[in-house]
Amino acid sequence: AGSAGAAAGVESAAQSAAVAGMIILAAAGDGSS
C-alpha cells in the first residue's frame, strides 16, 4: 500500500550488504501469522 517497489528496494540493499559481508537479522513480528 506504500510506495511502489519499497520492499524490493529493501531487498536490493540487503543483497548488496550481504555481498559486502554483512548479516542482517529482522524480527518476524509478534502479531501471530
Full PDB file with SEQRES, HELIX, SHEET, SSBOND, CRYST1, ORIGX, SCALE, CONECT and MASTER records, all heavy atoms in Angstrom:
SEQRES   1 A   33  ALA GLY SER ALA GLY ALA ALA ALA GLY VAL GLU SER ALA          
SEQRES   2 A   33  ALA GLN SER ALA ALA VAL ALA GLY MET ILE ILE LEU ALA          
SEQRES   3 A   33  ALA ALA GLY ASP GLY SER SER                                  
HELIX    1 AA1 ALA A    6  VAL A   19  1                                  14    
CRYST1    1.000    1.000    1.000  90.00  90.00  90.00 P 1           1          
ORIGX1      1.000000  0.000000  0.000000        0.00000                         
ORIGX2      0.000000  1.000000  0.000000        0.00000                         
ORIGX3      0.000000  0.000000  1.000000        0.00000                         
SCALE1      1.000000  0.000000  0.000000        0.00000                         
SCALE2      0.000000  1.000000  0.000000        0.00000                         
SCALE3      0.000000  0.000000  1.000000        0.00000                         
ATOM      1  N   ALA A   1       0.830  -1.209   0.000  1.00  0.00           N  
ATOM      2  CA  ALA A   1       0.000   0.000   0.000  1.00  0.00           C  
ATOM      3  C   ALA A   1       0.866   1.261   0.000  1.00  0.00           C  
ATOM      4  O   ALA A   1       0.409   2.332  -0.385  1.00  0.00           O  
ATOM      5  CB  ALA A   1      -0.926   0.004   1.210  1.00  0.00           C  
ATOM      6  N   GLY A   2       2.112   1.137   0.438  1.00  0.00           N  
ATOM      7  CA  GLY A   2       3.029   2.275   0.477  1.00  0.00           C  
ATOM      8  C   GLY A   2       3.604   2.548  -0.907  1.00  0.00           C  
ATOM      9  O   GLY A   2       2.996   2.241  -1.933  1.00  0.00           O  
ATOM     10  N   SER A   3       4.788   3.107  -0.935  1.00  0.00           N  
ATOM     11  CA  SER A   3       5.403   3.451  -2.220  1.00  0.00           C  
ATOM     12  C   SER A   3       5.748   2.192  -3.004  1.00  0.00           C  
ATOM     13  O   SER A   3       6.232   1.206  -2.453  1.00  0.00           O  
ATOM     14  CB  SER A   3       6.646   4.311  -2.001  1.00  0.00           C  
ATOM     15  OG  SER A   3       7.614   3.596  -1.271  1.00  0.00           O  
ATOM     16  N   ALA A   4       5.489   2.252  -4.290  1.00  0.00           N  
ATOM     17  CA  ALA A   4       5.732   1.112  -5.175  1.00  0.00           C  
ATOM     18  C   ALA A   4       7.211   0.735  -5.144  1.00  0.00           C  
ATOM     19  O   ALA A   4       8.083   1.581  -5.237  1.00  0.00           O  
ATOM     20  CB  ALA A   4       5.303   1.450  -6.598  1.00  0.00           C  
ATOM     21  N   GLY A   5       7.479  -0.528  -4.965  1.00  0.00           N  
ATOM     22  CA  GLY A   5       8.843  -1.020  -5.003  1.00  0.00           C  
ATOM     23  C   GLY A   5       9.638  -0.830  -3.727  1.00  0.00           C  
ATOM     24  O   GLY A   5      10.832  -1.117  -3.704  1.00  0.00           O  
ATOM     25  N   ALA A   6       9.012  -0.352  -2.654  1.00  0.00           N  
ATOM     26  CA  ALA A   6       9.751  -0.111  -1.410  1.00  0.00           C  
ATOM     27  C   ALA A   6      10.339  -1.404  -0.849  1.00  0.00           C  
ATOM     28  O   ALA A   6      11.499  -1.434  -0.443  1.00  0.00           O  
ATOM     29  CB  ALA A   6       8.867   0.570  -0.373  1.00  0.00           C  
ATOM     30  N   ALA A   7       9.563  -2.475  -0.817  1.00  0.00           N  
ATOM     31  CA  ALA A   7      10.064  -3.748  -0.298  1.00  0.00           C  
ATOM     32  C   ALA A   7      11.190  -4.282  -1.190  1.00  0.00           C  
ATOM     33  O   ALA A   7      12.185  -4.803  -0.689  1.00  0.00           O  
ATOM     34  CB  ALA A   7       8.936  -4.767  -0.182  1.00  0.00           C  
ATOM     35  N   ALA A   8      11.048  -4.136  -2.496  1.00  0.00           N  
ATOM     36  CA  ALA A   8      12.103  -4.566  -3.422  1.00  0.00           C  
ATOM     37  C   ALA A   8      13.376  -3.758  -3.196  1.00  0.00           C  
ATOM     38  O   ALA A   8      14.490  -4.278  -3.303  1.00  0.00           O  
ATOM     39  CB  ALA A   8      11.627  -4.439  -4.864  1.00  0.00           C  
ATOM     40  N   GLY A   9      13.225  -2.489  -2.846  1.00  0.00           N  
ATOM     41  CA  GLY A   9      14.378  -1.648  -2.551  1.00  0.00           C  
ATOM     42  C   GLY A   9      15.106  -2.105  -1.299  1.00  0.00           C  
ATOM     43  O   GLY A   9      16.339  -2.067  -1.229  1.00  0.00           O  
ATOM     44  N   VAL A  10      14.355  -2.545  -0.296  1.00  0.00           N  
ATOM     45  CA  VAL A  10      14.959  -3.073   0.922  1.00  0.00           C  
ATOM     46  C   VAL A  10      15.722  -4.350   0.597  1.00  0.00           C  
ATOM     47  O   VAL A  10      16.863  -4.545   1.032  1.00  0.00           O  
ATOM     48  CB  VAL A  10      13.901  -3.315   2.019  1.00  0.00           C  
ATOM     49  CG1 VAL A  10      14.510  -4.037   3.218  1.00  0.00           C  
ATOM     50  CG2 VAL A  10      13.267  -2.011   2.442  1.00  0.00           C  
ATOM     51  N   GLU A  11      15.118  -5.236  -0.199  1.00  0.00           N  
ATOM     52  CA  GLU A  11      15.791  -6.479  -0.587  1.00  0.00           C  
ATOM     53  C   GLU A  11      17.050  -6.191  -1.391  1.00  0.00           C  
ATOM     54  O   GLU A  11      18.083  -6.819  -1.190  1.00  0.00           O  
ATOM     55  CB  GLU A  11      14.850  -7.391  -1.362  1.00  0.00           C  
ATOM     56  CG  GLU A  11      15.513  -8.560  -2.081  1.00  0.00           C  
ATOM     57  CD  GLU A  11      16.399  -9.467  -1.221  1.00  0.00           C  
ATOM     58  OE1 GLU A  11      16.329  -9.454   0.019  1.00  0.00           O  
ATOM     59  OE2 GLU A  11      17.204 -10.211  -1.825  1.00  0.00           O  
ATOM     60  N   SER A  12      16.998  -5.232  -2.300  1.00  0.00           N  
ATOM     61  CA  SER A  12      18.173  -4.881  -3.093  1.00  0.00           C  
ATOM     62  C   SER A  12      19.317  -4.400  -2.204  1.00  0.00           C  
ATOM     63  O   SER A  12      20.473  -4.802  -2.379  1.00  0.00           O  
ATOM     64  CB  SER A  12      17.801  -3.804  -4.118  1.00  0.00           C  
ATOM     65  OG  SER A  12      18.932  -3.441  -4.878  1.00  0.00           O  
ATOM     66  N   ALA A  13      18.994  -3.557  -1.237  1.00  0.00           N  
ATOM     67  CA  ALA A  13      20.018  -3.076  -0.301  1.00  0.00           C  
ATOM     68  C   ALA A  13      20.564  -4.234   0.534  1.00  0.00           C  
ATOM     69  O   ALA A  13      21.774  -4.323   0.773  1.00  0.00           O  
ATOM     70  CB  ALA A  13      19.433  -1.995   0.603  1.00  0.00           C  
ATOM     71  N   ALA A  14      19.671  -5.141   0.974  1.00  0.00           N  
ATOM     72  CA  ALA A  14      20.096  -6.294   1.775  1.00  0.00           C  
ATOM     73  C   ALA A  14      21.006  -7.215   0.973  1.00  0.00           C  
ATOM     74  O   ALA A  14      22.004  -7.719   1.491  1.00  0.00           O  
ATOM     75  CB  ALA A  14      18.876  -7.060   2.291  1.00  0.00           C  
ATOM     76  N   GLN A  15      20.690  -7.412  -0.293  1.00  0.00           N  
ATOM     77  CA  GLN A  15      21.521  -8.266  -1.141  1.00  0.00           C  
ATOM     78  C   GLN A  15      22.914  -7.658  -1.309  1.00  0.00           C  
ATOM     79  O   GLN A  15      23.923  -8.355  -1.184  1.00  0.00           O  
ATOM     80  CB  GLN A  15      20.855  -8.472  -2.505  1.00  0.00           C  
ATOM     81  CG  GLN A  15      21.617  -9.422  -3.396  1.00  0.00           C  
ATOM     82  CD  GLN A  15      20.881  -9.735  -4.686  1.00  0.00           C  
ATOM     83  OE1 GLN A  15      19.964  -9.032  -5.081  1.00  0.00           O  
ATOM     84  NE2 GLN A  15      21.282 -10.793  -5.337  1.00  0.00           N  
ATOM     85  N   SER A  16      22.979  -6.363  -1.563  1.00  0.00           N  
ATOM     86  CA  SER A  16      24.275  -5.689  -1.694  1.00  0.00           C  
ATOM     87  C   SER A  16      25.073  -5.766  -0.402  1.00  0.00           C  
ATOM     88  O   SER A  16      26.287  -5.987  -0.422  1.00  0.00           O  
ATOM     89  CB  SER A  16      24.077  -4.221  -2.093  1.00  0.00           C  
ATOM     90  OG  SER A  16      23.507  -4.132  -3.376  1.00  0.00           O  
ATOM     91  N   ALA A  17      24.390  -5.588   0.728  1.00  0.00           N  
ATOM     92  CA  ALA A  17      25.067  -5.656   2.019  1.00  0.00           C  
ATOM     93  C   ALA A  17      25.600  -7.061   2.287  1.00  0.00           C  
ATOM     94  O   ALA A  17      26.706  -7.222   2.818  1.00  0.00           O  
ATOM     95  CB  ALA A  17      24.115  -5.227   3.131  1.00  0.00           C  
ATOM     96  N   ALA A  18      24.824  -8.085   1.925  1.00  0.00           N  
ATOM     97  CA  ALA A  18      25.265  -9.469   2.117  1.00  0.00           C  
ATOM     98  C   ALA A  18      26.508  -9.758   1.282  1.00  0.00           C  
ATOM     99  O   ALA A  18      27.452 -10.402   1.765  1.00  0.00           O  
ATOM    100  CB  ALA A  18      24.142 -10.441   1.766  1.00  0.00           C  
ATOM    101  N   VAL A  19      26.526  -9.268   0.053  1.00  0.00           N  
ATOM    102  CA  VAL A  19      27.693  -9.440  -0.811  1.00  0.00           C  
ATOM    103  C   VAL A  19      28.916  -8.767  -0.180  1.00  0.00           C  
ATOM    104  O   VAL A  19      30.039  -9.270  -0.263  1.00  0.00           O  
ATOM    105  CB  VAL A  19      27.423  -8.890  -2.232  1.00  0.00           C  
ATOM    106  CG1 VAL A  19      28.690  -8.802  -3.054  1.00  0.00           C  
ATOM    107  CG2 VAL A  19      26.387  -9.757  -2.933  1.00  0.00           C  
ATOM    108  N   ALA A  20      28.706  -7.632   0.486  1.00  0.00           N  
ATOM    109  CA  ALA A  20      29.790  -6.908   1.154  1.00  0.00           C  
ATOM    110  C   ALA A  20      30.192  -7.555   2.476  1.00  0.00           C  
ATOM    111  O   ALA A  20      31.147  -7.120   3.113  1.00  0.00           O  
ATOM    112  CB  ALA A  20      29.385  -5.457   1.379  1.00  0.00           C  
ATOM    113  N   GLY A  21      29.458  -8.584   2.922  1.00  0.00           N  
ATOM    114  CA  GLY A  21      29.840  -9.324   4.111  1.00  0.00           C  
ATOM    115  C   GLY A  21      28.968  -9.125   5.334  1.00  0.00           C  
ATOM    116  O   GLY A  21      29.252  -9.687   6.396  1.00  0.00           O  
ATOM    117  N   MET A  22      27.898  -8.334   5.228  1.00  0.00           N  
ATOM    118  CA  MET A  22      27.063  -8.061   6.401  1.00  0.00           C  
ATOM    119  C   MET A  22      25.923  -9.071   6.517  1.00  0.00           C  
ATOM    120  O   MET A  22      25.310  -9.451   5.522  1.00  0.00           O  
ATOM    121  CB  MET A  22      26.478  -6.648   6.311  1.00  0.00           C  
ATOM    122  CG  MET A  22      25.755  -6.220   7.574  1.00  0.00           C  
ATOM    123  SD  MET A  22      25.405  -4.452   7.662  1.00  0.00           S  
ATOM    124  CE  MET A  22      24.241  -4.233   6.336  1.00  0.00           C  
ATOM    125  N   ILE A  23      25.648  -9.490   7.757  1.00  0.00           N  
ATOM    126  CA  ILE A  23      24.485 -10.317   8.081  1.00  0.00           C  
ATOM    127  C   ILE A  23      23.396  -9.374   8.566  1.00  0.00           C  
ATOM    128  O   ILE A  23      23.653  -8.503   9.394  1.00  0.00           O  
ATOM    129  CB  ILE A  23      24.807 -11.327   9.199  1.00  0.00           C  
ATOM    130  CG1 ILE A  23      25.889 -12.312   8.756  1.00  0.00           C  
ATOM    131  CG2 ILE A  23      23.545 -12.063   9.643  1.00  0.00           C  
ATOM    132  CD1 ILE A  23      26.396 -13.201   9.887  1.00  0.00           C  
ATOM    133  N   ILE A  24      22.171  -9.552   8.072  1.00  0.00           N  
ATOM    134  CA  ILE A  24      21.040  -8.744   8.517  1.00  0.00           C  
ATOM    135  C   ILE A  24      19.994  -9.678   9.105  1.00  0.00           C  
ATOM    136  O   ILE A  24      19.604 -10.662   8.475  1.00  0.00           O  
ATOM    137  CB  ILE A  24      20.426  -7.938   7.357  1.00  0.00           C  
ATOM    138  CG1 ILE A  24      21.486  -7.060   6.691  1.00  0.00           C  
ATOM    139  CG2 ILE A  24      19.248  -7.096   7.858  1.00  0.00           C  
ATOM    140  CD1 ILE A  24      21.031  -6.424   5.390  1.00  0.00           C  
ATOM    141  N   LEU A  25      19.559  -9.356  10.327  1.00  0.00           N  
ATOM    142  CA  LEU A  25      18.518 -10.121  11.006  1.00  0.00           C  
ATOM    143  C   LEU A  25      17.357  -9.195  11.293  1.00  0.00           C  
ATOM    144  O   LEU A  25      17.559  -8.040  11.647  1.00  0.00           O  
ATOM    145  CB  LEU A  25      19.058 -10.692  12.319  1.00  0.00           C  
ATOM    146  CG  LEU A  25      20.262 -11.608  12.140  1.00  0.00           C  
ATOM    147  CD1 LEU A  25      21.515 -10.946  12.662  1.00  0.00           C  
ATOM    148  CD2 LEU A  25      20.022 -12.928  12.806  1.00  0.00           C  
ATOM    149  N   ALA A  26      16.127  -9.703  11.149  1.00  0.00           N  
ATOM    150  CA  ALA A  26      14.945  -8.873  11.406  1.00  0.00           C  
ATOM    151  C   ALA A  26      13.864  -9.681  12.110  1.00  0.00           C  
ATOM    152  O   ALA A  26      13.653 -10.859  11.821  1.00  0.00           O  
ATOM    153  CB  ALA A  26      14.399  -8.300  10.100  1.00  0.00           C  
ATOM    154  N   ALA A  27      13.172  -9.006  13.024  1.00  0.00           N  
ATOM    155  CA  ALA A  27      12.067  -9.606  13.755  1.00  0.00           C  
ATOM    156  C   ALA A  27      10.958 -10.019  12.792  1.00  0.00           C  
ATOM    157  O   ALA A  27      10.624  -9.280  11.869  1.00  0.00           O  
ATOM    158  CB  ALA A  27      11.527  -8.611  14.778  1.00  0.00           C  
ATOM    159  N   ALA A  28      10.379 -11.196  13.024  1.00  0.00           N  
ATOM    160  CA  ALA A  28       9.292 -11.698  12.183  1.00  0.00           C  
ATOM    161  C   ALA A  28       7.932 -11.166  12.613  1.00  0.00           C  
ATOM    162  O   ALA A  28       6.931 -11.411  11.955  1.00  0.00           O  
ATOM    163  CB  ALA A  28       9.283 -13.223  12.182  1.00  0.00           C  
ATOM    164  N   GLY A  29       7.882 -10.437  13.728  1.00  0.00           N  
ATOM    165  CA  GLY A  29       6.627  -9.867  14.194  1.00  0.00           C  
ATOM    166  C   GLY A  29       6.031 -10.651  15.353  1.00  0.00           C  
ATOM    167  O   GLY A  29       6.331 -11.825  15.553  1.00  0.00           O  
ATOM    168  N   ASP A  30       5.183  -9.972  16.113  1.00  0.00           N  
ATOM    169  CA  ASP A  30       4.593 -10.551  17.314  1.00  0.00           C  
ATOM    170  C   ASP A  30       3.069 -10.628  17.248  1.00  0.00           C  
ATOM    171  O   ASP A  30       2.413 -10.828  18.261  1.00  0.00           O  
ATOM    172  CB  ASP A  30       4.991  -9.715  18.535  1.00  0.00           C  
ATOM    173  CG  ASP A  30       6.490  -9.681  18.747  1.00  0.00           C  
ATOM    174  OD1 ASP A  30       7.193 -10.552  18.213  1.00  0.00           O  
ATOM    175  OD2 ASP A  30       6.952  -8.770  19.464  1.00  0.00           O  
ATOM    176  N   GLY A  31       2.490 -10.456  16.065  1.00  0.00           N  
ATOM    177  CA  GLY A  31       1.040 -10.481  15.906  1.00  0.00           C  
ATOM    178  C   GLY A  31       0.534 -11.772  15.305  1.00  0.00           C  
ATOM    179  O   GLY A  31      -0.469 -11.778  14.596  1.00  0.00           O  
ATOM    180  N   SER A  32       1.217 -12.875  15.555  1.00  0.00           N  
ATOM    181  CA  SER A  32       0.874 -14.182  15.032  1.00  0.00           C  
ATOM    182  C   SER A  32       0.995 -14.169  13.504  1.00  0.00           C  
ATOM    183  O   SER A  32       1.475 -13.209  12.911  1.00  0.00           O  
ATOM    184  CB  SER A  32      -0.519 -14.603  15.496  1.00  0.00           C  
ATOM    185  OG  SER A  32      -0.727 -15.971  15.315  1.00  0.00           O  
ATOM    186  N   SER A  33       0.575 -15.223  12.855  1.00  0.00           N  
ATOM    187  CA  SER A  33       0.726 -15.299  11.400  1.00  0.00           C  
ATOM    188  C   SER A  33      -0.191 -14.327  10.666  1.00  0.00           C  
ATOM    189  O   SER A  33       0.005 -14.064   9.489  1.00  0.00           O  
ATOM    190  CB  SER A  33       0.473 -16.727  10.906  1.00  0.00           C  
ATOM    191  OG  SER A  33      -0.854 -17.109  11.196  1.00  0.00           O  
TER     192      SER A  33                                                      
MASTER        0    0    0    1    0    0    0    6  191    1    0    3          
END                                                                             
